Amino acid sequence: MSSESRLYTFSQETKDHLRKFRLGTSRANDPQAVIYMIDKHTLEIKQDEEKTVYKNLEEIGDDLPDHSPRFVLLSYPMTLPSGRLSVPYVLLYYLPVTCNAELRMLYAGAKELMRNTAEVGKVIEIDSADDLEDLPEKLGAA
């Protein structure tokens, strides 16, 4: 067992949601995303209270905080240059330049655990909501 998995926790409800989200988005026709945060006191990785499922990149950008990191799980259906449909499932590691060192360390320590628990194919680091606009290009959309 790695040290990250002893330090950070996922509730069973969160683990079930991660699995259900991953399996449910693989056949989706529209982008879907959920935002996860770390509770600083309990070190539990969880969704926010509303448990919002976002349907487009603009909505995600509107809800990302200015000074606090977040993990965003994103399923983004797109057409590749070859004409084939692809649905990449990625972890967006949102780390704004204005966040403090304590939060940076907290999220940096949990990044690999979140990646492995969510079973994403790729981690993409972004430091502002504006970076979301370049995401289709980073994922290889036509």
N, C-alpha and C. Protein backbone atom coordinates (compact mmCIF):
# COMPACT_ATOMS: atom_id res chain seq x y z
N MET A 1 0.85 -1.18 0.00
CA MET A 1 0.00 0.00 0.00
C MET A 1 0.89 1.24 0.00
N SER A 2 0.64 2.15 -0.91
CA SER A 2 1.48 3.35 -1.00
C SER A 2 1.13 4.34 0.11
N SER A 3 2.05 5.25 0.39
CA SER A 3 1.82 6.22 1.45
C SER A 3 0.65 7.14 1.12
N GLU A 4 0.43 7.44 -0.18
CA GLU A 4 -0.70 8.31 -0.55
C GLU A 4 -2.03 7.68 -0.17
N SER A 5 -2.14 6.37 -0.35
CA SER A 5 -3.42 5.73 -0.07
C SER A 5 -3.70 5.63 1.43
N ARG A 6 -2.67 5.80 2.25
CA ARG A 6 -2.91 5.85 3.70
C ARG A 6 -3.23 7.27 4.14
N LEU A 7 -2.71 8.25 3.45
CA LEU A 7 -2.92 9.64 3.83
C LEU A 7 -4.27 10.17 3.36
N TYR A 8 -4.58 9.94 2.09
CA TYR A 8 -5.82 10.43 1.50
C TYR A 8 -6.85 9.32 1.47
N THR A 9 -8.12 9.68 1.58
CA THR A 9 -9.17 8.65 1.59
C THR A 9 -10.25 8.96 0.57
N PHE A 10 -10.93 7.89 0.14
CA PHE A 10 -12.12 7.98 -0.69
C PHE A 10 -13.22 7.25 0.07
N SER A 11 -14.40 7.84 0.17
CA SER A 11 -15.52 7.10 0.76
C SER A 11 -15.94 6.03 -0.23
N GLN A 12 -16.67 5.02 0.25
CA GLN A 12 -17.16 3.99 -0.66
C GLN A 12 -18.10 4.60 -1.69
N GLU A 13 -18.88 5.59 -1.26
CA GLU A 13 -19.79 6.29 -2.18
C GLU A 13 -19.01 6.96 -3.31
N THR A 14 -17.89 7.59 -2.98
CA THR A 14 -17.05 8.23 -3.99
C THR A 14 -16.44 7.21 -4.93
N LYS A 15 -15.95 6.11 -4.40
CA LYS A 15 -15.38 5.06 -5.26
C LYS A 15 -16.44 4.52 -6.21
N ASP A 16 -17.66 4.30 -5.69
CA ASP A 16 -18.75 3.81 -6.53
C ASP A 16 -19.09 4.82 -7.62
N HIS A 17 -19.10 6.11 -7.26
CA HIS A 17 -19.41 7.15 -8.24
C HIS A 17 -18.34 7.23 -9.32
N LEU A 18 -17.07 7.12 -8.92
CA LEU A 18 -15.97 7.16 -9.89
C LEU A 18 -16.13 6.04 -10.92
N ARG A 19 -16.44 4.84 -10.43
CA ARG A 19 -16.60 3.70 -11.33
C ARG A 19 -17.81 3.88 -12.24
N LYS A 20 -18.92 4.30 -11.66
CA LYS A 20 -20.15 4.49 -12.44
C LYS A 20 -19.95 5.59 -13.49
N PHE A 21 -19.29 6.66 -13.12
CA PHE A 21 -19.04 7.76 -14.05
C PHE A 21 -18.15 7.29 -15.20
N ARG A 22 -17.08 6.57 -14.88
CA ARG A 22 -16.15 6.08 -15.92
C ARG A 22 -16.87 5.16 -16.90
N LEU A 23 -17.64 4.23 -16.38
CA LEU A 23 -18.33 3.27 -17.25
C LEU A 23 -19.46 3.94 -18.03
N GLY A 24 -20.15 4.89 -17.41
CA GLY A 24 -21.29 5.54 -18.06
C GLY A 24 -20.90 6.52 -19.14
N THR A 25 -19.72 7.11 -19.02
CA THR A 25 -19.32 8.12 -20.00
C THR A 25 -18.71 7.54 -21.25
N SER A 26 -18.34 6.28 -21.23
CA SER A 26 -17.66 5.69 -22.38
C SER A 26 -18.57 5.63 -23.61
N ARG A 27 -19.88 5.67 -23.39
CA ARG A 27 -20.82 5.62 -24.52
C ARG A 27 -21.55 6.95 -24.73
N ALA A 28 -21.11 7.99 -24.04
CA ALA A 28 -21.80 9.28 -24.12
C ALA A 28 -21.51 9.99 -25.44
N ASN A 29 -22.48 10.78 -25.89
CA ASN A 29 -22.30 11.58 -27.10
C ASN A 29 -21.87 13.01 -26.79
N ASP A 30 -22.02 13.41 -25.54
CA ASP A 30 -21.70 14.78 -25.12
C ASP A 30 -20.60 14.74 -24.06
N PRO A 31 -19.83 15.83 -23.95
CA PRO A 31 -18.83 15.89 -22.89
C PRO A 31 -19.50 15.78 -21.52
N GLN A 32 -18.83 15.14 -20.60
CA GLN A 32 -19.30 15.06 -19.23
C GLN A 32 -18.10 15.22 -18.31
N ALA A 33 -18.31 15.96 -17.22
CA ALA A 33 -17.21 16.18 -16.29
C ALA A 33 -17.73 16.32 -14.87
N VAL A 34 -16.91 15.94 -13.92
CA VAL A 34 -17.20 16.16 -12.51
C VAL A 34 -15.95 16.73 -11.85
N ILE A 35 -16.16 17.59 -10.86
CA ILE A 35 -15.06 18.25 -10.17
C ILE A 35 -14.90 17.62 -8.79
N TYR A 36 -13.66 17.28 -8.44
CA TYR A 36 -13.35 16.72 -7.12
C TYR A 36 -12.40 17.65 -6.38
N MET A 37 -12.52 17.64 -5.07
CA MET A 37 -11.68 18.47 -4.21
C MET A 37 -11.18 17.62 -3.05
N ILE A 38 -10.21 18.14 -2.32
CA ILE A 38 -9.71 17.47 -1.12
C ILE A 38 -10.16 18.27 0.10
N ASP A 39 -10.81 17.61 1.03
CA ASP A 39 -11.19 18.23 2.29
C ASP A 39 -9.91 18.39 3.12
N LYS A 40 -9.54 19.63 3.42
CA LYS A 40 -8.26 19.89 4.11
C LYS A 40 -8.20 19.28 5.50
N HIS A 41 -9.34 19.08 6.14
CA HIS A 41 -9.34 18.59 7.52
C HIS A 41 -9.33 17.06 7.59
N THR A 42 -10.11 16.41 6.73
CA THR A 42 -10.19 14.94 6.77
C THR A 42 -9.30 14.28 5.72
N LEU A 43 -8.79 15.07 4.76
CA LEU A 43 -8.00 14.58 3.62
C LEU A 43 -8.78 13.58 2.77
N GLU A 44 -10.09 13.75 2.76
CA GLU A 44 -10.94 12.91 1.90
C GLU A 44 -11.07 13.58 0.54
N ILE A 45 -10.91 12.79 -0.53
CA ILE A 45 -11.10 13.30 -1.88
C ILE A 45 -12.56 13.05 -2.24
N LYS A 46 -13.28 14.12 -2.58
CA LYS A 46 -14.72 13.99 -2.82
C LYS A 46 -15.22 15.06 -3.77
N GLN A 47 -16.46 14.85 -4.24
CA GLN A 47 -17.12 15.86 -5.06
C GLN A 47 -17.62 16.99 -4.18
N ASP A 48 -17.94 18.12 -4.79
CA ASP A 48 -18.53 19.21 -4.01
C ASP A 48 -19.95 18.81 -3.59
N GLU A 49 -20.59 19.65 -2.80
CA GLU A 49 -21.91 19.32 -2.24
C GLU A 49 -22.98 19.10 -3.31
N GLU A 50 -22.94 19.89 -4.39
CA GLU A 50 -24.00 19.78 -5.42
C GLU A 50 -23.87 18.55 -6.30
N LYS A 51 -22.68 17.95 -6.36
CA LYS A 51 -22.41 16.78 -7.20
C LYS A 51 -22.83 17.01 -8.66
N THR A 52 -22.48 18.18 -9.16
CA THR A 52 -22.84 18.58 -10.52
C THR A 52 -22.10 17.75 -11.56
N VAL A 53 -22.82 17.36 -12.62
CA VAL A 53 -22.19 16.75 -13.79
C VAL A 53 -22.24 17.80 -14.89
N TYR A 54 -21.08 18.27 -15.30
CA TYR A 54 -20.99 19.34 -16.29
C TYR A 54 -21.10 18.78 -17.70
N LYS A 55 -21.73 19.57 -18.58
CA LYS A 55 -21.95 19.11 -19.96
C LYS A 55 -21.12 19.86 -20.99
N ASN A 56 -20.44 20.93 -20.57
CA ASN A 56 -19.56 21.62 -21.52
C ASN A 56 -18.39 22.29 -20.78
N LEU A 57 -17.37 22.64 -21.52
CA LEU A 57 -16.15 23.18 -20.93
C LEU A 57 -16.36 24.55 -20.29
N GLU A 58 -17.29 25.35 -20.82
CA GLU A 58 -17.54 26.68 -20.26
C GLU A 58 -18.09 26.58 -18.83
N GLU A 59 -19.01 25.62 -18.62
CA GLU A 59 -19.58 25.44 -17.28
C GLU A 59 -18.50 25.05 -16.28
N ILE A 60 -17.59 24.19 -16.71
CA ILE A 60 -16.49 23.79 -15.82
C ILE A 60 -15.66 25.01 -15.45
N GLY A 61 -15.29 25.80 -16.46
CA GLY A 61 -14.48 26.99 -16.23
C GLY A 61 -15.14 27.96 -15.28
N ASP A 62 -16.47 28.10 -15.38
CA ASP A 62 -17.19 29.02 -14.49
C ASP A 62 -17.14 28.57 -13.04
N ASP A 63 -17.08 27.25 -12.79
CA ASP A 63 -17.13 26.75 -11.42
C ASP A 63 -15.77 26.45 -10.80
N LEU A 64 -14.69 26.59 -11.57
CA LEU A 64 -13.36 26.37 -10.99
C LEU A 64 -12.98 27.59 -10.14
N PRO A 65 -12.51 27.36 -8.91
CA PRO A 65 -12.14 28.50 -8.05
C PRO A 65 -10.86 29.19 -8.56
N ASP A 66 -10.70 30.46 -8.21
CA ASP A 66 -9.55 31.22 -8.69
C ASP A 66 -8.25 30.87 -7.97
N HIS A 67 -8.34 30.45 -6.70
CA HIS A 67 -7.13 30.29 -5.89
C HIS A 67 -7.00 28.91 -5.25
N SER A 68 -7.72 27.92 -5.73
CA SER A 68 -7.66 26.61 -5.12
C SER A 68 -7.61 25.52 -6.19
N PRO A 69 -6.75 24.52 -6.03
CA PRO A 69 -6.64 23.44 -7.01
C PRO A 69 -7.90 22.56 -7.01
N ARG A 70 -8.07 21.81 -8.09
CA ARG A 70 -9.17 20.85 -8.19
C ARG A 70 -8.74 19.72 -9.14
N PHE A 71 -9.41 18.58 -8.99
CA PHE A 71 -9.28 17.49 -9.95
C PHE A 71 -10.58 17.47 -10.74
N VAL A 72 -10.48 17.44 -12.07
CA VAL A 72 -11.66 17.38 -12.92
C VAL A 72 -11.57 16.11 -13.76
N LEU A 73 -12.56 15.24 -13.62
CA LEU A 73 -12.63 14.06 -14.47
C LEU A 73 -13.46 14.43 -15.69
N LEU A 74 -12.91 14.20 -16.87
CA LEU A 74 -13.56 14.63 -18.09
C LEU A 74 -13.62 13.50 -19.11
N SER A 75 -14.81 13.28 -19.63
CA SER A 75 -15.02 12.37 -20.76
C SER A 75 -15.40 13.28 -21.92
N TYR A 76 -14.61 13.24 -23.00
CA TYR A 76 -14.79 14.22 -24.07
C TYR A 76 -14.89 13.55 -25.44
N PRO A 77 -16.13 13.20 -25.86
CA PRO A 77 -16.28 12.58 -27.19
C PRO A 77 -15.84 13.54 -28.30
N MET A 78 -15.10 13.00 -29.26
CA MET A 78 -14.61 13.85 -30.36
C MET A 78 -14.29 12.97 -31.57
N THR A 79 -14.18 13.63 -32.71
CA THR A 79 -13.80 12.94 -33.94
C THR A 79 -12.32 13.17 -34.19
N LEU A 80 -11.60 12.09 -34.38
CA LEU A 80 -10.16 12.18 -34.66
C LEU A 80 -9.93 12.59 -36.11
N PRO A 81 -8.72 13.05 -36.46
CA PRO A 81 -8.43 13.41 -37.85
C PRO A 81 -8.72 12.27 -38.83
N SER A 82 -8.64 11.03 -38.36
CA SER A 82 -8.92 9.87 -39.22
C SER A 82 -10.42 9.67 -39.46
N GLY A 83 -11.25 10.46 -38.75
CA GLY A 83 -12.70 10.33 -38.90
C GLY A 83 -13.33 9.39 -37.89
N ARG A 84 -12.50 8.74 -37.08
CA ARG A 84 -12.98 7.80 -36.08
C ARG A 84 -13.43 8.54 -34.82
N LEU A 85 -14.51 8.04 -34.17
CA LEU A 85 -14.98 8.63 -32.93
C LEU A 85 -14.14 8.12 -31.77
N SER A 86 -13.73 9.02 -30.90
CA SER A 86 -12.94 8.66 -29.72
C SER A 86 -13.55 9.33 -28.51
N VAL A 87 -13.48 8.66 -27.36
CA VAL A 87 -14.00 9.25 -26.12
C VAL A 87 -12.91 9.16 -25.04
N PRO A 88 -11.93 10.07 -25.09
CA PRO A 88 -10.88 10.03 -24.08
C PRO A 88 -11.43 10.35 -22.69
N TYR A 89 -10.91 9.65 -21.69
CA TYR A 89 -11.30 9.86 -20.30
C TYR A 89 -10.05 10.33 -19.58
N VAL A 90 -10.03 11.61 -19.18
CA VAL A 90 -8.81 12.21 -18.66
C VAL A 90 -9.05 12.88 -17.31
N LEU A 91 -7.96 13.08 -16.60
CA LEU A 91 -7.98 13.84 -15.35
C LEU A 91 -7.35 15.19 -15.64
N LEU A 92 -8.11 16.24 -15.44
CA LEU A 92 -7.56 17.59 -15.53
C LEU A 92 -7.08 17.96 -14.12
N TYR A 93 -5.82 18.26 -14.01
CA TYR A 93 -5.23 18.65 -12.73
C TYR A 93 -5.14 20.17 -12.76
N TYR A 94 -6.12 20.81 -12.13
CA TYR A 94 -6.23 22.27 -12.15
C TYR A 94 -5.44 22.84 -10.98
N LEU A 95 -4.37 23.56 -11.29
CA LEU A 95 -3.50 24.12 -10.27
C LEU A 95 -3.22 25.59 -10.61
N PRO A 96 -4.09 26.50 -10.12
CA PRO A 96 -3.90 27.92 -10.46
C PRO A 96 -2.60 28.47 -9.87
N VAL A 97 -1.99 29.38 -10.59
CA VAL A 97 -0.70 29.93 -10.15
C VAL A 97 -0.83 30.72 -8.85
N THR A 98 -2.05 31.15 -8.52
CA THR A 98 -2.26 31.98 -7.34
C THR A 98 -2.55 31.18 -6.07
N CYS A 99 -2.54 29.85 -6.14
CA CYS A 99 -2.86 29.09 -4.92
C CYS A 99 -1.62 28.98 -4.02
N ASN A 100 -1.86 28.81 -2.72
CA ASN A 100 -0.75 28.81 -1.78
C ASN A 100 0.01 27.47 -1.78
N ALA A 101 1.19 27.48 -1.19
CA ALA A 101 2.07 26.31 -1.22
C ALA A 101 1.45 25.11 -0.51
N GLU A 102 0.72 25.34 0.56
CA GLU A 102 0.10 24.24 1.30
C GLU A 102 -0.87 23.46 0.41
N LEU A 103 -1.71 24.19 -0.32
CA LEU A 103 -2.67 23.53 -1.21
C LEU A 103 -1.96 22.84 -2.38
N ARG A 104 -0.92 23.47 -2.89
CA ARG A 104 -0.15 22.85 -3.98
C ARG A 104 0.38 21.48 -3.55
N MET A 105 0.95 21.42 -2.35
CA MET A 105 1.50 20.17 -1.84
C MET A 105 0.40 19.15 -1.57
N LEU A 106 -0.72 19.60 -1.04
CA LEU A 106 -1.84 18.72 -0.74
C LEU A 106 -2.32 18.00 -2.00
N TYR A 107 -2.53 18.77 -3.07
CA TYR A 107 -3.04 18.19 -4.32
C TYR A 107 -1.97 17.43 -5.08
N ALA A 108 -0.72 17.90 -5.01
CA ALA A 108 0.37 17.19 -5.70
C ALA A 108 0.54 15.79 -5.12
N GLY A 109 0.38 15.67 -3.81
CA GLY A 109 0.52 14.38 -3.16
C GLY A 109 -0.57 13.40 -3.53
N ALA A 110 -1.73 13.91 -3.91
CA ALA A 110 -2.89 13.05 -4.20
C ALA A 110 -3.08 12.79 -5.69
N LYS A 111 -2.30 13.44 -6.54
CA LYS A 111 -2.53 13.35 -7.99
C LYS A 111 -2.47 11.92 -8.51
N GLU A 112 -1.44 11.18 -8.19
CA GLU A 112 -1.31 9.81 -8.71
C GLU A 112 -2.37 8.89 -8.14
N LEU A 113 -2.71 9.08 -6.87
CA LEU A 113 -3.77 8.27 -6.26
C LEU A 113 -5.10 8.53 -6.97
N MET A 114 -5.39 9.80 -7.25
CA MET A 114 -6.62 10.14 -7.95
C MET A 114 -6.59 9.54 -9.36
N ARG A 115 -5.46 9.63 -10.02
CA ARG A 115 -5.32 9.07 -11.37
C ARG A 115 -5.61 7.57 -11.37
N ASN A 116 -5.02 6.86 -10.43
CA ASN A 116 -5.17 5.41 -10.38
C ASN A 116 -6.57 4.99 -9.93
N THR A 117 -7.12 5.69 -8.95
CA THR A 117 -8.45 5.34 -8.45
C THR A 117 -9.52 5.61 -9.49
N ALA A 118 -9.38 6.72 -10.22
CA ALA A 118 -10.37 7.06 -11.25
C ALA A 118 -10.14 6.28 -12.54
N GLU A 119 -8.98 5.65 -12.68
CA GLU A 119 -8.63 4.86 -13.86
C GLU A 119 -8.68 5.66 -15.16
N VAL A 120 -8.12 6.86 -15.12
CA VAL A 120 -8.09 7.71 -16.31
C VAL A 120 -6.93 7.31 -17.22
N GLY A 121 -7.04 7.68 -18.49
CA GLY A 121 -6.00 7.36 -19.45
C GLY A 121 -4.87 8.36 -19.47
N LYS A 122 -5.14 9.59 -19.05
CA LYS A 122 -4.15 10.65 -19.20
C LYS A 122 -4.42 11.74 -18.16
N VAL A 123 -3.35 12.41 -17.71
CA VAL A 123 -3.48 13.56 -16.82
C VAL A 123 -3.02 14.79 -17.59
N ILE A 124 -3.86 15.82 -17.60
CA ILE A 124 -3.51 17.08 -18.26
C ILE A 124 -3.51 18.17 -17.21
N GLU A 125 -2.39 18.86 -17.09
CA GLU A 125 -2.29 19.93 -16.10
C GLU A 125 -2.70 21.25 -16.73
N ILE A 126 -3.56 21.98 -16.02
CA ILE A 126 -3.98 23.31 -16.46
C ILE A 126 -3.83 24.27 -15.28
N ASP A 127 -3.54 25.55 -15.58
CA ASP A 127 -3.40 26.49 -14.48
C ASP A 127 -4.40 27.65 -14.53
N SER A 128 -5.30 27.62 -15.52
CA SER A 128 -6.37 28.62 -15.54
C SER A 128 -7.56 28.04 -16.30
N ALA A 129 -8.72 28.61 -16.04
CA ALA A 129 -9.93 28.14 -16.72
C ALA A 129 -9.81 28.39 -18.23
N ASP A 130 -9.01 29.38 -18.63
CA ASP A 130 -8.82 29.67 -20.05
C ASP A 130 -8.15 28.51 -20.79
N ASP A 131 -7.38 27.70 -20.07
CA ASP A 131 -6.71 26.55 -20.69
C ASP A 131 -7.71 25.53 -21.22
N LEU A 132 -8.94 25.57 -20.73
CA LEU A 132 -9.96 24.63 -21.18
C LEU A 132 -10.27 24.79 -22.67
N GLU A 133 -10.10 26.01 -23.18
CA GLU A 133 -10.38 26.28 -24.60
C GLU A 133 -9.46 25.47 -25.52
N ASP A 134 -8.23 25.20 -25.06
CA ASP A 134 -7.26 24.47 -25.87
C ASP A 134 -7.37 22.96 -25.70
N LEU A 135 -8.27 22.52 -24.87
CA LEU A 135 -8.36 21.10 -24.54
C LEU A 135 -8.65 20.19 -25.73
N PRO A 136 -9.64 20.51 -26.59
CA PRO A 136 -9.87 19.60 -27.73
C PRO A 136 -8.61 19.38 -28.56
N GLU A 137 -7.82 20.44 -28.73
CA GLU A 137 -6.57 20.34 -29.49
C GLU A 137 -5.57 19.42 -28.76
N LYS A 138 -5.47 19.56 -27.44
CA LYS A 138 -4.55 18.72 -26.66
C LYS A 138 -4.97 17.25 -26.71
N LEU A 139 -6.27 17.01 -26.84
CA LEU A 139 -6.78 15.63 -26.88
C LEU A 139 -6.68 15.03 -28.27
N GLY A 140 -6.39 15.87 -29.27
CA GLY A 140 -6.20 15.35 -30.62
C GLY A 140 -7.44 15.39 -31.51
N ALA A 141 -8.35 16.32 -31.22
CA ALA A 141 -9.58 16.42 -32.04
C ALA A 141 -9.24 16.93 -33.43
N ALA A 142 -10.11 16.58 -34.38
CA ALA A 142 -9.91 17.00 -35.77
C ALA A 142 -10.23 18.46 -35.93
